[in-house]
């Protein structure tokens, strides 16, 4: 689940397959790292690091951001996936969103805390 007290430093990525490539390329991101992929006007996917430490398995909250807010779809263990597996998961979630059949396993997420500049205790 998304850590509601954790600030996130969110970078933009152009496509879901590129997000899968980036997350599986680097096996340990700082705990405050997040990525956003816009898929339609006012609709984007957020991939937010919800790992407990940089030393363990890299877990990401897979969230959908719309005008109504942010809802978490799932939590995905990126450390155990290949680029192809993660890309397929993300593309299926997007296809389900477009078809109106997307299930939200965790529900509404509290508003994200802004990331302090230039760093926080999780990335310092």
C-alpha atoms as a PDB file:
ATOM      1  CA  UNK A   1       0.000   0.000   0.000  1.00  0.00           C
ATOM      2  CA  UNK A   2       1.074   3.582  -0.477  1.00  0.00           C
ATOM      3  CA  UNK A   3       2.795   5.022   2.590  1.00  0.00           C
ATOM      4  CA  UNK A   4       0.652   8.032   3.445  1.00  0.00           C
ATOM      5  CA  UNK A   5       3.473   9.761   5.327  1.00  0.00           C
ATOM      6  CA  UNK A   6       6.071   9.296   2.581  1.00  0.00           C
ATOM      7  CA  UNK A   7       6.781  12.158   0.191  1.00  0.00           C
ATOM      8  CA  UNK A   8       7.270  11.096  -3.417  1.00  0.00           C
ATOM      9  CA  UNK A   9       9.618  12.485  -6.053  1.00  0.00           C
ATOM     10  CA  UNK A  10       7.672  11.637  -9.213  1.00  0.00           C
ATOM     11  CA  UNK A  11       9.302  11.550 -12.624  1.00  0.00           C
ATOM     12  CA  UNK A  12       7.444  11.366 -15.924  1.00  0.00           C
ATOM     13  CA  UNK A  13       7.809   8.415 -18.288  1.00  0.00           C
ATOM     14  CA  UNK A  14       6.238   8.405 -21.762  1.00  0.00           C
ATOM     15  CA  UNK A  15       4.727   4.896 -21.958  1.00  0.00           C
ATOM     16  CA  UNK A  16       3.883   1.937 -19.740  1.00  0.00           C
ATOM     17  CA  UNK A  17       6.433  -0.360 -21.483  1.00  0.00           C
ATOM     18  CA  UNK A  18       9.108   2.309 -20.867  1.00  0.00           C
ATOM     19  CA  UNK A  19       8.097   2.392 -17.194  1.00  0.00           C
ATOM     20  CA  UNK A  20       8.502  -1.395 -17.020  1.00  0.00           C
ATOM     21  CA  UNK A  21      11.941  -1.088 -18.618  1.00  0.00           C
ATOM     22  CA  UNK A  22      13.049   1.614 -16.188  1.00  0.00           C
ATOM     23  CA  UNK A  23      11.796  -0.147 -13.045  1.00  0.00           C
ATOM     24  CA  UNK A  24      13.388  -3.479 -13.973  1.00  0.00           C
ATOM     25  CA  UNK A  25      16.632  -1.882 -15.209  1.00  0.00           C
ATOM     26  CA  UNK A  26      17.522  -0.455 -11.794  1.00  0.00           C
ATOM     27  CA  UNK A  27      16.952  -3.001  -9.043  1.00  0.00           C
ATOM     28  CA  UNK A  28      16.947  -0.619  -6.093  1.00  0.00           C
ATOM     29  CA  UNK A  29      15.329   2.807  -6.166  1.00  0.00           C
ATOM     30  CA  UNK A  30      15.219   5.219  -3.238  1.00  0.00           C
ATOM     31  CA  UNK A  31      12.099   4.844  -1.123  1.00  0.00           C
ATOM     32  CA  UNK A  32      10.626   8.179  -2.217  1.00  0.00           C
ATOM     33  CA  UNK A  33      10.794   7.425  -5.962  1.00  0.00           C
ATOM     34  CA  UNK A  34       7.681   7.427  -8.078  1.00  0.00           C
ATOM     35  CA  UNK A  35       6.908   7.440 -11.782  1.00  0.00           C
ATOM     36  CA  UNK A  36       3.935   8.798 -13.716  1.00  0.00           C
ATOM     37  CA  UNK A  37       2.700   7.753 -17.158  1.00  0.00           C
ATOM     38  CA  UNK A  38      -0.059   9.864 -18.723  1.00  0.00           C
ATOM     39  CA  UNK A  39      -2.460   7.786 -20.828  1.00  0.00           C
ATOM     40  CA  UNK A  40      -5.304  10.251 -21.493  1.00  0.00           C
ATOM     41  CA  UNK A  41      -6.220  13.817 -20.581  1.00  0.00           C
ATOM     42  CA  UNK A  42      -6.448  13.943 -16.768  1.00  0.00           C
ATOM     43  CA  UNK A  43      -5.649  10.206 -16.471  1.00  0.00           C
ATOM     44  CA  UNK A  44      -2.287   8.773 -15.514  1.00  0.00           C
ATOM     45  CA  UNK A  45      -0.723   5.744 -13.920  1.00  0.00           C
ATOM     46  CA  UNK A  46       1.425   6.269 -10.832  1.00  0.00           C
ATOM     47  CA  UNK A  47       4.028   3.703  -9.850  1.00  0.00           C
ATOM     48  CA  UNK A  48       5.053   4.553  -6.296  1.00  0.00           C
ATOM     49  CA  UNK A  49       7.810   2.816  -4.383  1.00  0.00           C
ATOM     50  CA  UNK A  50       6.148   1.259  -1.351  1.00  0.00           C
ATOM     51  CA  UNK A  51       9.105  -0.905  -0.322  1.00  0.00           C
ATOM     52  CA  UNK A  52      10.049  -1.062   3.339  1.00  0.00           C
ATOM     53  CA  UNK A  53      13.781  -0.636   2.593  1.00  0.00           C
ATOM     54  CA  UNK A  54      16.133  -0.245  -0.357  1.00  0.00           C
ATOM     55  CA  UNK A  55      17.788  -3.535   0.613  1.00  0.00           C
ATOM     56  CA  UNK A  56      14.727  -5.735   0.207  1.00  0.00           C
ATOM     57  CA  UNK A  57      12.366  -6.554  -2.599  1.00  0.00           C
ATOM     58  CA  UNK A  58      11.263  -3.530  -4.603  1.00  0.00           C
ATOM     59  CA  UNK A  59       7.486  -3.167  -4.233  1.00  0.00           C
ATOM     60  CA  UNK A  60       5.515  -0.590  -6.177  1.00  0.00           C
ATOM     61  CA  UNK A  61       1.985   0.627  -5.591  1.00  0.00           C
ATOM     62  CA  UNK A  62       0.238   0.670  -8.954  1.00  0.00           C
ATOM     63  CA  UNK A  63      -2.218   3.572  -8.823  1.00  0.00           C
ATOM     64  CA  UNK A  64      -4.572   5.324 -11.195  1.00  0.00           C
ATOM     65  CA  UNK A  65      -4.816   9.120 -10.964  1.00  0.00           C
ATOM     66  CA  UNK A  66      -7.955  10.747 -12.356  1.00  0.00           C
ATOM     67  CA  UNK A  67      -9.861  13.967 -11.702  1.00  0.00           C
ATOM     68  CA  UNK A  68     -11.596  12.117  -8.846  1.00  0.00           C
ATOM     69  CA  UNK A  69      -8.302  11.377  -7.071  1.00  0.00           C
ATOM     70  CA  UNK A  70      -5.862   8.487  -6.773  1.00  0.00           C
ATOM     71  CA  UNK A  71      -6.869   4.854  -6.332  1.00  0.00           C
ATOM     72  CA  UNK A  72      -4.478   1.970  -5.799  1.00  0.00           C
ATOM     73  CA  UNK A  73      -5.033  -0.962  -8.133  1.00  0.00           C
ATOM     74  CA  UNK A  74      -2.403  -3.333  -6.804  1.00  0.00           C
ATOM     75  CA  UNK A  75       1.031  -3.690  -5.259  1.00  0.00           C
ATOM     76  CA  UNK A  76       3.598  -5.282  -7.543  1.00  0.00           C
ATOM     77  CA  UNK A  77       6.937  -6.861  -6.585  1.00  0.00           C
ATOM     78  CA  UNK A  78       9.139  -5.486  -9.333  1.00  0.00           C
ATOM     79  CA  UNK A  79      12.198  -7.368  -8.028  1.00  0.00           C
ATOM     80  CA  UNK A  80      10.597 -10.680  -8.954  1.00  0.00           C
ATOM     81  CA  UNK A  81       9.473  -9.654 -12.449  1.00  0.00           C
ATOM     82  CA  UNK A  82      11.034  -9.394 -15.851  1.00  0.00           C
ATOM     83  CA  UNK A  83      10.554  -6.295 -17.957  1.00  0.00           C
ATOM     84  CA  UNK A  84       8.098  -8.216 -20.146  1.00  0.00           C
ATOM     85  CA  UNK A  85       6.036  -9.471 -17.179  1.00  0.00           C
ATOM     86  CA  UNK A  86       5.725  -5.997 -15.689  1.00  0.00           C
ATOM     87  CA  UNK A  87       4.893  -4.444 -19.071  1.00  0.00           C
ATOM     88  CA  UNK A  88       2.158  -7.048 -19.636  1.00  0.00           C
ATOM     89  CA  UNK A  89       0.705  -6.361 -16.175  1.00  0.00           C
ATOM     90  CA  UNK A  90       0.650  -2.596 -16.756  1.00  0.00           C
ATOM     91  CA  UNK A  91      -0.778  -2.873 -20.274  1.00  0.00           C
ATOM     92  CA  UNK A  92      -3.519  -5.236 -19.043  1.00  0.00           C
ATOM     93  CA  UNK A  93      -4.417  -2.786 -16.274  1.00  0.00           C
ATOM     94  CA  UNK A  94      -4.670  -0.005 -18.871  1.00  0.00           C
ATOM     95  CA  UNK A  95      -6.785  -2.192 -21.164  1.00  0.00           C
ATOM     96  CA  UNK A  96      -9.074  -2.983 -18.209  1.00  0.00           C
ATOM     97  CA  UNK A  97      -9.334   0.756 -17.442  1.00  0.00           C
ATOM     98  CA  UNK A  98     -10.329   1.486 -21.016  1.00  0.00           C
ATOM     99  CA  UNK A  99     -12.882  -1.360 -20.967  1.00  0.00           C
ATOM    100  CA  UNK A 100     -14.332  -0.178 -17.651  1.00  0.00           C
ATOM    101  CA  UNK A 101     -13.443  -3.449 -15.900  1.00  0.00           C
ATOM    102  CA  UNK A 102     -10.507  -2.285 -13.754  1.00  0.00           C
ATOM    103  CA  UNK A 103     -10.641  -3.580 -10.174  1.00  0.00           C
ATOM    104  CA  UNK A 104      -9.204  -1.567  -7.297  1.00  0.00           C
ATOM    105  CA  UNK A 105      -7.818  -3.902  -4.644  1.00  0.00           C
ATOM    106  CA  UNK A 106      -6.863  -1.152  -2.199  1.00  0.00           C
ATOM    107  CA  UNK A 107      -9.121   1.799  -2.996  1.00  0.00           C
ATOM    108  CA  UNK A 108      -8.633   5.518  -2.459  1.00  0.00           C
ATOM    109  CA  UNK A 109      -5.159   6.862  -1.640  1.00  0.00           C
ATOM    110  CA  UNK A 110      -4.574   9.887   0.572  1.00  0.00           C
ATOM    111  CA  UNK A 111      -3.239  12.933  -1.298  1.00  0.00           C
ATOM    112  CA  UNK A 112       0.458  12.518  -2.019  1.00  0.00           C
ATOM    113  CA  UNK A 113       2.846  14.534   0.092  1.00  0.00           C
ATOM    114  CA  UNK A 114       5.088  16.899  -1.873  1.00  0.00           C
ATOM    115  CA  UNK A 115       8.747  15.968  -2.008  1.00  0.00           C
ATOM    116  CA  UNK A 116      11.046  18.498  -0.297  1.00  0.00           C
ATOM    117  CA  UNK A 117      13.748  20.067  -2.425  1.00  0.00           C
ATOM    118  CA  UNK A 118      16.418  18.896  -2.964  1.00  0.00           C
ATOM    119  CA  UNK A 119      16.069  15.717  -0.892  1.00  0.00           C
ATOM    120  CA  UNK A 120      14.292  13.982   1.973  1.00  0.00           C
ATOM    121  CA  UNK A 121      15.426  11.529   4.635  1.00  0.00           C
ATOM    122  CA  UNK A 122      14.618   8.619   2.294  1.00  0.00           C
ATOM    123  CA  UNK A 123      16.831   9.801  -0.559  1.00  0.00           C
ATOM    124  CA  UNK A 124      19.516  11.806   1.252  1.00  0.00           C
END
